[in-house]
């Protein structure tokens, strides 16, 4: 296993992270607070959102 990302992988990861940040910014303060309570920090909550997005099955 390698720790290097191809340009395509990096682009997908960055794009996913950008989408998750956009989603975070659209969440209500209550939902943000719930995620912060669960994951401790905004960074951890965003990481959880990104991970969930990356491992979710592709939609047809």
PDB file of N, CA and C in Angstrom:
ATOM      1  N   UNK A   1       0.847  -1.180   0.000  1.00  0.00           N
ATOM      2  CA  UNK A   1       0.000   0.000   0.000  1.00  0.00           C
ATOM      3  C   UNK A   1       0.888   1.237   0.000  1.00  0.00           C
ATOM      4  N   UNK A   2       0.458   2.224  -0.732  1.00  0.00           N
ATOM      5  CA  UNK A   2       1.232   3.457  -0.852  1.00  0.00           C
ATOM      6  C   UNK A   2       0.481   4.620  -0.233  1.00  0.00           C
ATOM      7  N   UNK A   3       1.204   5.609   0.220  1.00  0.00           N
ATOM      8  CA  UNK A   3       0.594   6.807   0.790  1.00  0.00           C
ATOM      9  C   UNK A   3       0.442   7.914  -0.247  1.00  0.00           C
ATOM     10  N   UNK A   4       0.839   7.640  -1.488  1.00  0.00           N
ATOM     11  CA  UNK A   4       0.761   8.640  -2.546  1.00  0.00           C
ATOM     12  C   UNK A   4      -0.623   8.643  -3.180  1.00  0.00           C
ATOM     13  N   UNK A   5      -1.075   9.831  -3.544  1.00  0.00           N
ATOM     14  CA  UNK A   5      -2.335   9.992  -4.254  1.00  0.00           C
ATOM     15  C   UNK A   5      -2.029  10.349  -5.702  1.00  0.00           C
ATOM     16  N   UNK A   6      -2.810   9.776  -6.617  1.00  0.00           N
ATOM     17  CA  UNK A   6      -2.716  10.211  -8.006  1.00  0.00           C
ATOM     18  C   UNK A   6      -3.431  11.555  -8.109  1.00  0.00           C
ATOM     19  N   UNK A   7      -3.227  12.232  -9.221  1.00  0.00           N
ATOM     20  CA  UNK A   7      -3.921  13.513  -9.436  1.00  0.00           C
ATOM     21  C   UNK A   7      -5.428  13.322  -9.386  1.00  0.00           C
ATOM     22  N   UNK A   8      -5.917  12.223  -9.958  1.00  0.00           N
ATOM     23  CA  UNK A   8      -7.352  11.952  -9.971  1.00  0.00           C
ATOM     24  C   UNK A   8      -7.867  11.718  -8.562  1.00  0.00           C
ATOM     25  N   UNK A   9      -7.158  10.916  -7.788  1.00  0.00           N
ATOM     26  CA  UNK A   9      -7.572  10.657  -6.408  1.00  0.00           C
ATOM     27  C   UNK A   9      -7.569  11.941  -5.587  1.00  0.00           C
ATOM     28  N   UNK A  10      -6.547  12.746  -5.743  1.00  0.00           N
ATOM     29  CA  UNK A  10      -6.462  14.009  -5.009  1.00  0.00           C
ATOM     30  C   UNK A  10      -7.617  14.925  -5.397  1.00  0.00           C
ATOM     31  N   UNK A  11      -7.925  14.980  -6.668  1.00  0.00           N
ATOM     32  CA  UNK A  11      -9.010  15.827  -7.147  1.00  0.00           C
ATOM     33  C   UNK A  11     -10.350  15.377  -6.563  1.00  0.00           C
ATOM     34  N   UNK A  12     -10.579  14.069  -6.539  1.00  0.00           N
ATOM     35  CA  UNK A  12     -11.826  13.539  -5.973  1.00  0.00           C
ATOM     36  C   UNK A  12     -11.900  13.851  -4.485  1.00  0.00           C
ATOM     37  N   UNK A  13     -10.813  13.658  -3.780  1.00  0.00           N
ATOM     38  CA  UNK A  13     -10.786  13.926  -2.350  1.00  0.00           C
ATOM     39  C   UNK A  13     -11.037  15.397  -2.053  1.00  0.00           C
ATOM     40  N   UNK A  14     -10.388  16.278  -2.788  1.00  0.00           N
ATOM     41  CA  UNK A  14     -10.575  17.721  -2.592  1.00  0.00           C
ATOM     42  C   UNK A  14     -12.009  18.118  -2.927  1.00  0.00           C
ATOM     43  N   UNK A  15     -12.529  17.604  -4.022  1.00  0.00           N
ATOM     44  CA  UNK A  15     -13.907  17.913  -4.406  1.00  0.00           C
ATOM     45  C   UNK A  15     -14.907  17.447  -3.363  1.00  0.00           C
ATOM     46  N   UNK A  16     -14.687  16.257  -2.818  1.00  0.00           N
ATOM     47  CA  UNK A  16     -15.569  15.739  -1.781  1.00  0.00           C
ATOM     48  C   UNK A  16     -15.491  16.597  -0.529  1.00  0.00           C
ATOM     49  N   UNK A  17     -14.280  16.973  -0.151  1.00  0.00           N
ATOM     50  CA  UNK A  17     -14.109  17.823   1.034  1.00  0.00           C
ATOM     51  C   UNK A  17     -14.802  19.169   0.841  1.00  0.00           C
ATOM     52  N   UNK A  18     -14.682  19.740  -0.344  1.00  0.00           N
ATOM     53  CA  UNK A  18     -15.353  21.020  -0.623  1.00  0.00           C
ATOM     54  C   UNK A  18     -16.864  20.878  -0.507  1.00  0.00           C
ATOM     55  N   UNK A  19     -17.410  19.772  -1.012  1.00  0.00           N
ATOM     56  CA  UNK A  19     -18.856  19.542  -0.911  1.00  0.00           C
ATOM     57  C   UNK A  19     -19.277  19.406   0.541  1.00  0.00           C
ATOM     58  N   UNK A  20     -18.474  18.707   1.323  1.00  0.00           N
ATOM     59  CA  UNK A  20     -18.821  18.520   2.721  1.00  0.00           C
ATOM     60  C   UNK A  20     -18.767  19.840   3.491  1.00  0.00           C
ATOM     61  N   UNK A  21     -17.822  20.702   3.155  1.00  0.00           N
ATOM     62  CA  UNK A  21     -17.759  22.024   3.791  1.00  0.00           C
ATOM     63  C   UNK A  21     -18.996  22.836   3.424  1.00  0.00           C
ATOM     64  N   UNK A  22     -19.413  22.744   2.153  1.00  0.00           N
ATOM     65  CA  UNK A  22     -20.635  23.438   1.738  1.00  0.00           C
ATOM     66  C   UNK A  22     -21.833  22.912   2.511  1.00  0.00           C
ATOM     67  N   UNK A  23     -21.911  21.593   2.671  1.00  0.00           N
ATOM     68  CA  UNK A  23     -23.014  20.998   3.426  1.00  0.00           C
ATOM     69  C   UNK A  23     -22.964  21.465   4.876  1.00  0.00           C
ATOM     70  N   UNK A  24     -21.770  21.459   5.466  1.00  0.00           N
ATOM     71  CA  UNK A  24     -21.613  21.919   6.860  1.00  0.00           C
ATOM     72  C   UNK A  24     -22.154  23.337   7.011  1.00  0.00           C
ATOM     73  N   UNK A  25     -21.800  24.193   6.082  1.00  0.00           N
ATOM     74  CA  UNK A  25     -22.225  25.591   6.164  1.00  0.00           C
ATOM     75  C   UNK A  25     -23.733  25.752   6.018  1.00  0.00           C
ATOM     76  N   UNK A  26     -24.396  24.787   5.381  1.00  0.00           N
ATOM     77  CA  UNK A  26     -25.846  24.843   5.219  1.00  0.00           C
ATOM     78  C   UNK A  26     -26.597  24.196   6.378  1.00  0.00           C
ATOM     79  N   UNK A  27     -25.882  23.450   7.232  1.00  0.00           N
ATOM     80  CA  UNK A  27     -26.542  22.809   8.363  1.00  0.00           C
ATOM     81  C   UNK A  27     -27.036  23.851   9.354  1.00  0.00           C
ATOM     82  N   UNK A  28     -28.129  23.526   9.982  1.00  0.00           N
ATOM     83  CA  UNK A  28     -28.634  24.417  11.029  1.00  0.00           C
ATOM     84  C   UNK A  28     -27.656  24.404  12.198  1.00  0.00           C
ATOM     85  N   UNK A  29     -27.683  25.466  12.998  1.00  0.00           N
ATOM     86  CA  UNK A  29     -26.815  25.483  14.187  1.00  0.00           C
ATOM     87  C   UNK A  29     -27.053  24.271  15.099  1.00  0.00           C
ATOM     88  N   UNK A  30     -28.291  23.794  15.171  1.00  0.00           N
ATOM     89  CA  UNK A  30     -28.604  22.634  16.003  1.00  0.00           C
ATOM     90  C   UNK A  30     -27.911  21.376  15.484  1.00  0.00           C
ATOM     91  N   UNK A  31     -27.944  21.183  14.169  1.00  0.00           N
ATOM     92  CA  UNK A  31     -27.287  20.006  13.586  1.00  0.00           C
ATOM     93  C   UNK A  31     -25.776  20.112  13.707  1.00  0.00           C
ATOM     94  N   UNK A  32     -25.235  21.302  13.528  1.00  0.00           N
ATOM     95  CA  UNK A  32     -23.798  21.486  13.730  1.00  0.00           C
ATOM     96  C   UNK A  32     -23.427  21.161  15.171  1.00  0.00           C
ATOM     97  N   UNK A  33     -24.240  21.632  16.116  1.00  0.00           N
ATOM     98  CA  UNK A  33     -23.969  21.375  17.532  1.00  0.00           C
ATOM     99  C   UNK A  33     -24.015  19.880  17.832  1.00  0.00           C
ATOM    100  N   UNK A  34     -24.966  19.170  17.231  1.00  0.00           N
ATOM    101  CA  UNK A  34     -25.063  17.729  17.451  1.00  0.00           C
ATOM    102  C   UNK A  34     -23.826  17.009  16.914  1.00  0.00           C
ATOM    103  N   UNK A  35     -23.368  17.413  15.726  1.00  0.00           N
ATOM    104  CA  UNK A  35     -22.154  16.807  15.157  1.00  0.00           C
ATOM    105  C   UNK A  35     -20.927  17.141  16.004  1.00  0.00           C
ATOM    106  N   UNK A  36     -20.853  18.375  16.474  1.00  0.00           N
ATOM    107  CA  UNK A  36     -19.731  18.760  17.326  1.00  0.00           C
ATOM    108  C   UNK A  36     -19.744  17.975  18.637  1.00  0.00           C
ATOM    109  N   UNK A  37     -20.936  17.764  19.196  1.00  0.00           N
ATOM    110  CA  UNK A  37     -21.041  16.986  20.430  1.00  0.00           C
ATOM    111  C   UNK A  37     -20.582  15.545  20.196  1.00  0.00           C
ATOM    112  N   UNK A  38     -20.893  15.018  19.035  1.00  0.00           N
ATOM    113  CA  UNK A  38     -20.533  13.628  18.720  1.00  0.00           C
ATOM    114  C   UNK A  38     -19.047  13.480  18.396  1.00  0.00           C
ATOM    115  N   UNK A  39     -18.490  14.426  17.607  1.00  0.00           N
ATOM    116  CA  UNK A  39     -17.130  14.259  17.092  1.00  0.00           C
ATOM    117  C   UNK A  39     -16.096  15.190  17.724  1.00  0.00           C
ATOM    118  N   UNK A  40     -16.517  16.134  18.536  1.00  0.00           N
ATOM    119  CA  UNK A  40     -15.583  16.950  19.292  1.00  0.00           C
ATOM    120  C   UNK A  40     -15.128  18.235  18.632  1.00  0.00           C
ATOM    121  N   UNK A  41     -14.796  18.181  17.360  1.00  0.00           N
ATOM    122  CA  UNK A  41     -14.343  19.379  16.652  1.00  0.00           C
ATOM    123  C   UNK A  41     -14.976  19.421  15.270  1.00  0.00           C
ATOM    124  N   UNK A  42     -14.964  20.627  14.680  1.00  0.00           N
ATOM    125  CA  UNK A  42     -15.481  20.766  13.315  1.00  0.00           C
ATOM    126  C   UNK A  42     -14.658  19.924  12.348  1.00  0.00           C
ATOM    127  N   UNK A  43     -13.351  19.871  12.564  1.00  0.00           N
ATOM    128  CA  UNK A  43     -12.484  19.085  11.690  1.00  0.00           C
ATOM    129  C   UNK A  43     -12.847  17.608  11.750  1.00  0.00           C
ATOM    130  N   UNK A  44     -13.089  17.099  12.958  1.00  0.00           N
ATOM    131  CA  UNK A  44     -13.471  15.690  13.093  1.00  0.00           C
ATOM    132  C   UNK A  44     -14.842  15.429  12.477  1.00  0.00           C
ATOM    133  N   UNK A  45     -15.771  16.360  12.672  1.00  0.00           N
ATOM    134  CA  UNK A  45     -17.105  16.206  12.088  1.00  0.00           C
ATOM    135  C   UNK A  45     -17.019  16.215  10.569  1.00  0.00           C
ATOM    136  N   UNK A  46     -16.216  17.130  10.011  1.00  0.00           N
ATOM    137  CA  UNK A  46     -16.032  17.162   8.552  1.00  0.00           C
ATOM    138  C   UNK A  46     -15.366  15.886   8.059  1.00  0.00           C
ATOM    139  N   UNK A  47     -14.377  15.399   8.801  1.00  0.00           N
ATOM    140  CA  UNK A  47     -13.715  14.152   8.416  1.00  0.00           C
ATOM    141  C   UNK A  47     -14.720  13.002   8.390  1.00  0.00           C
ATOM    142  N   UNK A  48     -15.614  12.968   9.360  1.00  0.00           N
ATOM    143  CA  UNK A  48     -16.640  11.929   9.386  1.00  0.00           C
ATOM    144  C   UNK A  48     -17.567  12.067   8.181  1.00  0.00           C
ATOM    145  N   UNK A  49     -17.957  13.296   7.856  1.00  0.00           N
ATOM    146  CA  UNK A  49     -18.822  13.509   6.688  1.00  0.00           C
ATOM    147  C   UNK A  49     -18.124  13.094   5.398  1.00  0.00           C
ATOM    148  N   UNK A  50     -16.857  13.452   5.262  1.00  0.00           N
ATOM    149  CA  UNK A  50     -16.091  13.094   4.065  1.00  0.00           C
ATOM    150  C   UNK A  50     -15.943  11.582   3.972  1.00  0.00           C
ATOM    151  N   UNK A  51     -15.599  10.944   5.086  1.00  0.00           N
ATOM    152  CA  UNK A  51     -15.444   9.490   5.090  1.00  0.00           C
ATOM    153  C   UNK A  51     -16.739   8.810   4.711  1.00  0.00           C
ATOM    154  N   UNK A  52     -17.826   9.284   5.280  1.00  0.00           N
ATOM    155  CA  UNK A  52     -19.136   8.706   4.957  1.00  0.00           C
ATOM    156  C   UNK A  52     -19.409   8.837   3.460  1.00  0.00           C
ATOM    157  N   UNK A  53     -19.091   9.989   2.899  1.00  0.00           N
ATOM    158  CA  UNK A  53     -19.314  10.219   1.474  1.00  0.00           C
ATOM    159  C   UNK A  53     -18.438   9.305   0.623  1.00  0.00           C
ATOM    160  N   UNK A  54     -17.192   9.124   1.034  1.00  0.00           N
ATOM    161  CA  UNK A  54     -16.260   8.321   0.248  1.00  0.00           C
ATOM    162  C   UNK A  54     -16.593   6.837   0.278  1.00  0.00           C
ATOM    163  N   UNK A  55     -17.137   6.345   1.373  1.00  0.00           N
ATOM    164  CA  UNK A  55     -17.439   4.908   1.478  1.00  0.00           C
ATOM    165  C   UNK A  55     -18.876   4.576   1.124  1.00  0.00           C
ATOM    166  N   UNK A  56     -19.702   5.579   0.896  1.00  0.00           N
ATOM    167  CA  UNK A  56     -21.097   5.339   0.540  1.00  0.00           C
ATOM    168  C   UNK A  56     -21.159   4.722  -0.849  1.00  0.00           C
ATOM    169  N   UNK A  57     -22.095   3.799  -1.038  1.00  0.00           N
ATOM    170  CA  UNK A  57     -22.234   3.221  -2.381  1.00  0.00           C
ATOM    171  C   UNK A  57     -22.623   4.292  -3.397  1.00  0.00           C
ATOM    172  N   UNK A  58     -22.118   4.134  -4.601  1.00  0.00           N
ATOM    173  CA  UNK A  58     -22.428   5.080  -5.671  1.00  0.00           C
ATOM    174  C   UNK A  58     -23.923   5.028  -5.974  1.00  0.00           C
ATOM    175  N   UNK A  59     -24.514   6.206  -6.181  1.00  0.00           N
ATOM    176  CA  UNK A  59     -25.924   6.285  -6.533  1.00  0.00           C
ATOM    177  C   UNK A  59     -26.069   6.086  -8.035  1.00  0.00           C
ATOM    178  N   UNK A  60     -27.069   5.319  -8.418  1.00  0.00           N
ATOM    179  CA  UNK A  60     -27.253   5.081  -9.886  1.00  0.00           C
ATOM    180  C   UNK A  60     -27.646   6.314 -10.643  1.00  0.00           C
TER     181      UNK A  60
END
